[in-house]
Amino acid sequence: AMAYMPDIRINQEVADQMPSEHKHEWAECCPKKVFKYEPKTTLLEIERADDCIYCGECVMKAEDIGCDGLVSVKFKRSRNGTHNFVFTVETTGALPAEEIVLRAFEITRSKLKMMKKKLTEVAQSEDEEMHDDSEGQDPLM
């Protein structure tokens, strides 16, 4: 299984303006319980970011209670701009997960090489056909 890693941010300036009952209500809206409201400190916290399913409930709930901009939920990006993700491999135990992934990459590489070779052959064949077709024609036509 593959899942994008979340980049979740709570705007503390907006959160600081919220009444406690709204904070509790907002933290409870998440079906995966990503957020936590700590009544002693009155802080909203991100407790289980990796459980986020990008459903948007937290954003909609914030808007519903008049707290636009309270939270942003995006796919986490690395320094080079690509999305970070978690790749989970389950095995029967016969092979370690690392070996399964490495073998899968080897098979994929082999198939891509084979495809490249076939595409090159097709392109060359088409070039030859076009060349053969144009040999018998009058160049002024």
Protein backbone atom coordinates (compact mmCIF):
# COMPACT_ATOMS: atom_id res chain seq x y z
CA ALA A 1 0.00 0.00 0.00
CA MET A 2 1.10 3.54 -0.61
CA ALA A 3 0.00 6.71 1.16
CA TYR A 4 1.16 10.28 0.84
CA MET A 5 2.62 11.77 3.99
CA PRO A 6 0.55 14.67 5.27
CA ASP A 7 1.72 18.20 5.95
CA ILE A 8 -0.80 19.43 8.52
CA ARG A 9 -0.52 22.85 10.08
CA ILE A 10 -2.67 24.51 12.69
CA ASN A 11 -2.71 28.31 12.61
CA GLN A 12 -2.20 29.09 16.30
CA GLU A 13 -3.27 32.72 15.88
CA VAL A 14 -6.70 31.56 14.71
CA ALA A 15 -6.79 28.79 17.34
CA ASP A 16 -6.02 31.26 20.14
CA GLN A 17 -9.17 33.22 19.25
CA MET A 18 -11.45 30.17 19.46
CA PRO A 19 -13.63 29.44 22.49
CA SER A 20 -12.80 26.17 24.27
CA GLU A 21 -16.05 24.47 23.23
CA HIS A 22 -15.25 25.16 19.55
CA LYS A 23 -11.74 23.78 19.98
CA HIS A 24 -13.09 20.56 21.47
CA GLU A 25 -15.82 20.29 18.81
CA TRP A 26 -13.30 20.89 16.02
CA ALA A 27 -10.76 18.35 17.33
CA GLU A 28 -13.51 15.71 17.54
CA CYS A 29 -14.68 16.21 13.93
CA CYS A 30 -11.82 14.20 12.45
CA PRO A 31 -12.88 10.62 11.69
CA LYS A 32 -9.30 9.41 12.22
CA LYS A 33 -8.70 11.41 15.43
CA VAL A 34 -5.68 13.22 14.01
CA PHE A 35 -6.21 16.20 16.33
CA LYS A 36 -6.35 16.56 20.08
CA TYR A 37 -7.69 19.32 22.28
CA GLU A 38 -5.87 19.66 25.58
CA PRO A 39 -8.28 21.41 27.99
CA LYS A 40 -5.59 22.16 30.60
CA THR A 41 -3.45 24.15 28.17
CA THR A 42 -6.35 24.99 25.79
CA LEU A 43 -4.09 24.00 22.90
CA LEU A 44 -5.06 22.21 19.71
CA GLU A 45 -2.46 19.63 18.79
CA ILE A 46 -1.73 17.33 15.90
CA GLU A 47 -1.58 13.95 17.58
CA ARG A 48 -1.69 11.36 14.77
CA ALA A 49 -0.77 13.07 11.48
CA ASP A 50 0.09 9.81 9.73
CA ASP A 51 -3.51 8.64 10.15
CA CYS A 52 -4.87 11.53 8.05
CA ILE A 53 -6.99 10.41 5.08
CA TYR A 54 -7.30 13.87 3.48
CA CYS A 55 -11.08 13.89 3.87
CA GLY A 56 -11.26 17.66 4.45
CA GLU A 57 -13.56 17.39 7.48
CA CYS A 58 -11.23 19.51 9.61
CA VAL A 59 -11.13 22.30 7.03
CA MET A 60 -14.92 22.27 6.54
CA LYS A 61 -15.60 22.19 10.28
CA ALA A 62 -13.27 25.14 10.85
CA GLU A 63 -15.17 27.11 8.18
CA ASP A 64 -18.53 26.07 9.70
CA ILE A 65 -17.58 27.45 13.11
CA GLY A 66 -16.19 30.66 11.61
CA CYS A 67 -12.50 29.84 11.91
CA ASP A 68 -11.34 30.00 8.30
CA GLY A 69 -7.64 29.32 7.93
CA LEU A 70 -7.42 27.32 11.16
CA VAL A 71 -5.86 24.32 9.47
CA SER A 72 -4.16 23.44 6.22
CA VAL A 73 -3.77 19.87 5.02
CA LYS A 74 -1.50 19.14 2.08
CA PHE A 75 0.73 16.41 0.77
CA LYS A 76 4.19 16.76 2.29
CA ARG A 77 6.91 17.67 -0.19
CA SER A 78 10.62 16.99 0.03
CA ARG A 79 13.27 19.62 -0.68
CA ASN A 80 13.31 18.75 -4.38
CA GLY A 81 9.55 19.30 -4.66
CA THR A 82 8.42 15.70 -4.92
CA HIS A 83 5.69 14.34 -2.66
CA ASN A 84 6.78 12.20 0.27
CA PHE A 85 4.97 8.93 0.73
CA VAL A 86 4.95 5.79 2.83
CA PHE A 87 5.10 2.50 0.98
CA THR A 88 3.96 -0.51 3.00
CA VAL A 89 4.77 -4.05 1.90
CA GLU A 90 3.15 -7.02 3.61
CA THR A 91 4.79 -10.40 3.22
CA THR A 92 3.98 -14.00 4.03
CA GLY A 93 7.35 -14.24 5.70
CA ALA A 94 8.95 -16.30 2.94
CA LEU A 95 10.91 -13.26 1.76
CA PRO A 96 11.78 -10.04 3.57
CA ALA A 97 9.86 -6.98 2.37
CA GLU A 98 13.10 -5.29 1.21
CA GLU A 99 13.91 -8.22 -1.08
CA ILE A 100 10.39 -8.20 -2.55
CA VAL A 101 10.68 -4.51 -3.41
CA LEU A 102 14.15 -4.92 -4.92
CA ARG A 103 13.00 -7.86 -7.05
CA ALA A 104 9.95 -5.89 -8.19
CA PHE A 105 12.23 -3.05 -9.34
CA GLU A 106 14.50 -5.51 -11.18
CA ILE A 107 11.50 -7.04 -12.98
CA THR A 108 10.12 -3.59 -13.84
CA ARG A 109 13.51 -2.46 -15.18
CA SER A 110 13.76 -5.60 -17.30
CA LYS A 111 10.27 -5.08 -18.73
CA LEU A 112 10.99 -1.43 -19.49
CA LYS A 113 14.19 -2.40 -21.35
CA MET A 114 12.22 -4.94 -23.35
CA MET A 115 9.56 -2.33 -24.16
CA LYS A 116 12.20 0.20 -25.22
CA LYS A 117 13.78 -2.38 -27.53
CA LYS A 118 10.41 -3.23 -29.14
CA LEU A 119 9.49 0.44 -29.58
CA THR A 120 12.87 1.12 -31.19
CA GLU A 121 12.30 -1.81 -33.59
CA VAL A 122 8.82 -0.53 -34.48
CA ALA A 123 10.11 3.02 -35.05
CA GLN A 124 12.94 1.74 -37.27
CA SER A 125 10.51 -0.44 -39.22
CA GLU A 126 8.19 2.52 -39.80
CA ASP A 127 11.13 4.69 -40.89
CA GLU A 128 12.18 2.02 -43.40
CA GLU A 129 8.60 1.72 -44.74
CA MET A 130 8.35 5.49 -45.17
CA HIS A 131 11.74 5.54 -46.92
CA ASP A 132 10.72 2.65 -49.23
CA ASP A 133 7.41 4.37 -50.07
CA SER A 134 9.12 7.64 -50.98
CA GLU A 135 11.79 6.08 -53.28
CA GLY A 136 9.47 5.37 -56.19
CA GLN A 137 7.76 8.77 -56.18
CA ASP A 138 8.52 11.76 -58.38
CA PRO A 139 10.16 14.40 -56.14
CA LEU A 140 8.08 17.16 -57.80
CA MET A 141 4.78 15.64 -56.71
